[in-house]
Amino acid sequence: MNDLIRKAQEIGTIPARLIAAEQSGFIKRSRSEILADIMDEAQRSGER
């Protein structure tokens, strides 16, 4: 059950973080590069 909750939270968090990064104007990387960083960070912190 906890795994399902974590996955649902992750699904909601990733798009929000991508949008925030794109709108900040400081990021010059592509959406796929940003997503890869988010996924790496989540894996390191145990979120994934």
PDB file of N, CA and C in Angstrom:
ATOM      1  N   MET A   1       0.819  -1.189   0.000  1.00  0.00           N
ATOM      2  CA  MET A   1       0.000   0.000   0.000  1.00  0.00           C
ATOM      3  C   MET A   1       0.870   1.263   0.000  1.00  0.00           C
ATOM      4  N   ASN A   2       1.896   1.265   0.844  1.00  0.00           N
ATOM      5  CA  ASN A   2       2.768   2.438   0.900  1.00  0.00           C
ATOM      6  C   ASN A   2       3.453   2.693  -0.439  1.00  0.00           C
ATOM      7  N   ASP A   3       3.798   1.615  -1.135  1.00  0.00           N
ATOM      8  CA  ASP A   3       4.439   1.760  -2.440  1.00  0.00           C
ATOM      9  C   ASP A   3       3.499   2.434  -3.435  1.00  0.00           C
ATOM     10  N   LEU A   4       2.223   2.076  -3.396  1.00  0.00           N
ATOM     11  CA  LEU A   4       1.240   2.706  -4.283  1.00  0.00           C
ATOM     12  C   LEU A   4       1.097   4.192  -3.979  1.00  0.00           C
ATOM     13  N   ILE A   5       1.095   4.538  -2.713  1.00  0.00           N
ATOM     14  CA  ILE A   5       0.990   5.949  -2.313  1.00  0.00           C
ATOM     15  C   ILE A   5       2.217   6.714  -2.789  1.00  0.00           C
ATOM     16  N   ARG A   6       3.400   6.122  -2.589  1.00  0.00           N
ATOM     17  CA  ARG A   6       4.643   6.771  -3.036  1.00  0.00           C
ATOM     18  C   ARG A   6       4.631   6.988  -4.544  1.00  0.00           C
ATOM     19  N   LYS A   7       4.207   5.983  -5.294  1.00  0.00           N
ATOM     20  CA  LYS A   7       4.179   6.109  -6.756  1.00  0.00           C
ATOM     21  C   LYS A   7       3.193   7.181  -7.201  1.00  0.00           C
ATOM     22  N   ALA A   8       2.049   7.264  -6.548  1.00  0.00           N
ATOM     23  CA  ALA A   8       1.062   8.291  -6.885  1.00  0.00           C
ATOM     24  C   ALA A   8       1.625   9.678  -6.594  1.00  0.00           C
ATOM     25  N   GLN A   9       2.329   9.829  -5.481  1.00  0.00           N
ATOM     26  CA  GLN A   9       2.934  11.120  -5.149  1.00  0.00           C
ATOM     27  C   GLN A   9       4.016  11.475  -6.159  1.00  0.00           C
ATOM     28  N   GLU A  10       4.801  10.479  -6.547  1.00  0.00           N
ATOM     29  CA  GLU A  10       5.872  10.717  -7.520  1.00  0.00           C
ATOM     30  C   GLU A  10       5.302  11.170  -8.857  1.00  0.00           C
ATOM     31  N   ILE A  11       4.243  10.539  -9.286  1.00  0.00           N
ATOM     32  CA  ILE A  11       3.614  10.901 -10.558  1.00  0.00           C
ATOM     33  C   ILE A  11       3.138  12.345 -10.526  1.00  0.00           C
ATOM     34  N   GLY A  12       2.626  12.791  -9.395  1.00  0.00           N
ATOM     35  CA  GLY A  12       2.166  14.168  -9.269  1.00  0.00           C
ATOM     36  C   GLY A  12       3.300  15.162  -9.123  1.00  0.00           C
ATOM     37  N   THR A  13       4.397  14.731  -8.523  1.00  0.00           N
ATOM     38  CA  THR A  13       5.521  15.619  -8.247  1.00  0.00           C
ATOM     39  C   THR A  13       6.358  15.906  -9.483  1.00  0.00           C
ATOM     40  N   ILE A  14       6.595  14.915 -10.293  1.00  0.00           N
ATOM     41  CA  ILE A  14       7.486  15.085 -11.448  1.00  0.00           C
ATOM     42  C   ILE A  14       6.995  16.157 -12.412  1.00  0.00           C
ATOM     43  N   PRO A  15       5.737  16.120 -12.867  1.00  0.00           N
ATOM     44  CA  PRO A  15       5.298  17.183 -13.786  1.00  0.00           C
ATOM     45  C   PRO A  15       5.381  18.575 -13.157  1.00  0.00           C
ATOM     46  N   ALA A  16       5.056  18.673 -11.885  1.00  0.00           N
ATOM     47  CA  ALA A  16       5.120  19.974 -11.213  1.00  0.00           C
ATOM     48  C   ALA A  16       6.551  20.497 -11.182  1.00  0.00           C
ATOM     49  N   ARG A  17       7.504  19.628 -10.909  1.00  0.00           N
ATOM     50  CA  ARG A  17       8.906  20.045 -10.872  1.00  0.00           C
ATOM     51  C   ARG A  17       9.414  20.414 -12.264  1.00  0.00           C
ATOM     52  N   LEU A  18       8.989  19.678 -13.281  1.00  0.00           N
ATOM     53  CA  LEU A  18       9.389  20.012 -14.654  1.00  0.00           C
ATOM     54  C   LEU A  18       8.862  21.379 -15.063  1.00  0.00           C
ATOM     55  N   ILE A  19       7.617  21.639 -14.770  1.00  0.00           N
ATOM     56  CA  ILE A  19       7.002  22.923 -15.120  1.00  0.00           C
ATOM     57  C   ILE A  19       7.696  24.057 -14.384  1.00  0.00           C
ATOM     58  N   ALA A  20       7.944  23.888 -13.093  1.00  0.00           N
ATOM     59  CA  ALA A  20       8.613  24.927 -12.304  1.00  0.00           C
ATOM     60  C   ALA A  20      10.007  25.214 -12.857  1.00  0.00           C
ATOM     61  N   ALA A  21      10.728  24.174 -13.235  1.00  0.00           N
ATOM     62  CA  ALA A  21      12.074  24.356 -13.784  1.00  0.00           C
ATOM     63  C   ALA A  21      12.031  25.098 -15.111  1.00  0.00           C
ATOM     64  N   GLU A  22      11.086  24.744 -15.959  1.00  0.00           N
ATOM     65  CA  GLU A  22      10.967  25.414 -17.258  1.00  0.00           C
ATOM     66  C   GLU A  22      10.576  26.876 -17.096  1.00  0.00           C
ATOM     67  N   GLN A  23       9.706  27.167 -16.156  1.00  0.00           N
ATOM     68  CA  GLN A  23       9.208  28.528 -15.984  1.00  0.00           C
ATOM     69  C   GLN A  23      10.186  29.432 -15.247  1.00  0.00           C
ATOM     70  N   SER A  24      11.161  28.860 -14.572  1.00  0.00           N
ATOM     71  CA  SER A  24      12.096  29.670 -13.803  1.00  0.00           C
ATOM     72  C   SER A  24      12.978  30.534 -14.702  1.00  0.00           C
ATOM     73  N   GLY A  25      13.199  30.087 -15.931  1.00  0.00           N
ATOM     74  CA  GLY A  25      14.022  30.863 -16.850  1.00  0.00           C
ATOM     75  C   GLY A  25      15.511  30.671 -16.654  1.00  0.00           C
ATOM     76  N   PHE A  26      15.903  29.972 -15.608  1.00  0.00           N
ATOM     77  CA  PHE A  26      17.317  29.763 -15.332  1.00  0.00           C
ATOM     78  C   PHE A  26      17.828  28.451 -15.908  1.00  0.00           C
ATOM     79  N   ILE A  27      16.928  27.627 -16.347  1.00  0.00           N
ATOM     80  CA  ILE A  27      17.294  26.302 -16.840  1.00  0.00           C
ATOM     81  C   ILE A  27      17.413  26.347 -18.361  1.00  0.00           C
ATOM     82  N   LYS A  28      18.514  25.891 -18.856  1.00  0.00           N
ATOM     83  CA  LYS A  28      18.741  25.861 -20.300  1.00  0.00           C
ATOM     84  C   LYS A  28      18.747  24.425 -20.819  1.00  0.00           C
ATOM     85  N   ARG A  29      18.329  23.497 -19.967  1.00  0.00           N
ATOM     86  CA  ARG A  29      18.350  22.088 -20.352  1.00  0.00           C
ATOM     87  C   ARG A  29      16.992  21.665 -20.897  1.00  0.00           C
ATOM     88  N   SER A  30      16.995  20.551 -21.589  1.00  0.00           N
ATOM     89  CA  SER A  30      15.751  20.027 -22.153  1.00  0.00           C
ATOM     90  C   SER A  30      14.922  19.353 -21.062  1.00  0.00           C
ATOM     91  N   ARG A  31      13.670  19.121 -21.385  1.00  0.00           N
ATOM     92  CA  ARG A  31      12.749  18.451 -20.469  1.00  0.00           C
ATOM     93  C   ARG A  31      13.277  17.061 -20.086  1.00  0.00           C
ATOM     94  N   SER A  32      13.839  16.351 -21.053  1.00  0.00           N
ATOM     95  CA  SER A  32      14.340  14.999 -20.771  1.00  0.00           C
ATOM     96  C   SER A  32      15.562  15.029 -19.849  1.00  0.00           C
ATOM     97  N   GLU A  33      16.406  16.044 -19.978  1.00  0.00           N
ATOM     98  CA  GLU A  33      17.559  16.173 -19.083  1.00  0.00           C
ATOM     99  C   GLU A  33      17.107  16.475 -17.660  1.00  0.00           C
ATOM    100  N   ILE A  34      16.135  17.349 -17.530  1.00  0.00           N
ATOM    101  CA  ILE A  34      15.599  17.691 -16.212  1.00  0.00           C
ATOM    102  C   ILE A  34      14.948  16.463 -15.588  1.00  0.00           C
ATOM    103  N   LEU A  35      14.166  15.731 -16.370  1.00  0.00           N
ATOM    104  CA  LEU A  35      13.499  14.533 -15.869  1.00  0.00           C
ATOM    105  C   LEU A  35      14.526  13.508 -15.385  1.00  0.00           C
ATOM    106  N   ALA A  36      15.603  13.332 -16.124  1.00  0.00           N
ATOM    107  CA  ALA A  36      16.645  12.386 -15.717  1.00  0.00           C
ATOM    108  C   ALA A  36      17.238  12.788 -14.371  1.00  0.00           C
ATOM    109  N   ASP A  37      17.480  14.080 -14.162  1.00  0.00           N
ATOM    110  CA  ASP A  37      17.998  14.560 -12.881  1.00  0.00           C
ATOM    111  C   ASP A  37      17.009  14.308 -11.749  1.00  0.00           C
ATOM    112  N   ILE A  38      15.726  14.561 -11.994  1.00  0.00           N
ATOM    113  CA  ILE A  38      14.699  14.342 -10.979  1.00  0.00           C
ATOM    114  C   ILE A  38      14.642  12.864 -10.604  1.00  0.00           C
ATOM    115  N   MET A  39      14.682  11.996 -11.604  1.00  0.00           N
ATOM    116  CA  MET A  39      14.616  10.559 -11.342  1.00  0.00           C
ATOM    117  C   MET A  39      15.856  10.084 -10.580  1.00  0.00           C
ATOM    118  N   ASP A  40      17.033  10.600 -10.925  1.00  0.00           N
ATOM    119  CA  ASP A  40      18.258  10.248 -10.204  1.00  0.00           C
ATOM    120  C   ASP A  40      18.168  10.683  -8.747  1.00  0.00           C
ATOM    121  N   GLU A  41      17.702  11.899  -8.523  1.00  0.00           N
ATOM    122  CA  GLU A  41      17.564  12.419  -7.167  1.00  0.00           C
ATOM    123  C   GLU A  41      16.568  11.588  -6.362  1.00  0.00           C
ATOM    124  N   ALA A  42      15.451  11.223  -6.971  1.00  0.00           N
ATOM    125  CA  ALA A  42      14.441  10.414  -6.287  1.00  0.00           C
ATOM    126  C   ALA A  42      15.008   9.048  -5.920  1.00  0.00           C
ATOM    127  N   GLN A  43      15.790   8.473  -6.804  1.00  0.00           N
ATOM    128  CA  GLN A  43      16.370   7.158  -6.534  1.00  0.00           C
ATOM    129  C   GLN A  43      17.379   7.246  -5.389  1.00  0.00           C
ATOM    130  N   ARG A  44      18.191   8.296  -5.372  1.00  0.00           N
ATOM    131  CA  ARG A  44      19.177   8.466  -4.303  1.00  0.00           C
ATOM    132  C   ARG A  44      18.516   8.691  -2.951  1.00  0.00           C
ATOM    133  N   SER A  45      17.396   9.402  -2.933  1.00  0.00           N
ATOM    134  CA  SER A  45      16.732   9.714  -1.666  1.00  0.00           C
ATOM    135  C   SER A  45      15.757   8.622  -1.234  1.00  0.00           C
ATOM    136  N   GLY A  46      15.656   7.561  -2.028  1.00  0.00           N
ATOM    137  CA  GLY A  46      14.787   6.454  -1.662  1.00  0.00           C
ATOM    138  C   GLY A  46      13.339   6.639  -2.034  1.00  0.00           C
ATOM    139  N   GLU A  47      13.018   7.657  -2.814  1.00  0.00           N
ATOM    140  CA  GLU A  47      11.639   7.898  -3.235  1.00  0.00           C
ATOM    141  C   GLU A  47      11.222   6.955  -4.343  1.00  0.00           C
ATOM    142  N   ARG A  48      12.156   6.314  -4.933  1.00  0.00           N
ATOM    143  CA  ARG A  48      11.850   5.437  -6.056  1.00  0.00           C
ATOM    144  C   ARG A  48      12.473   4.106  -5.849  1.00  0.00           C
TER     145      ARG A  48
END
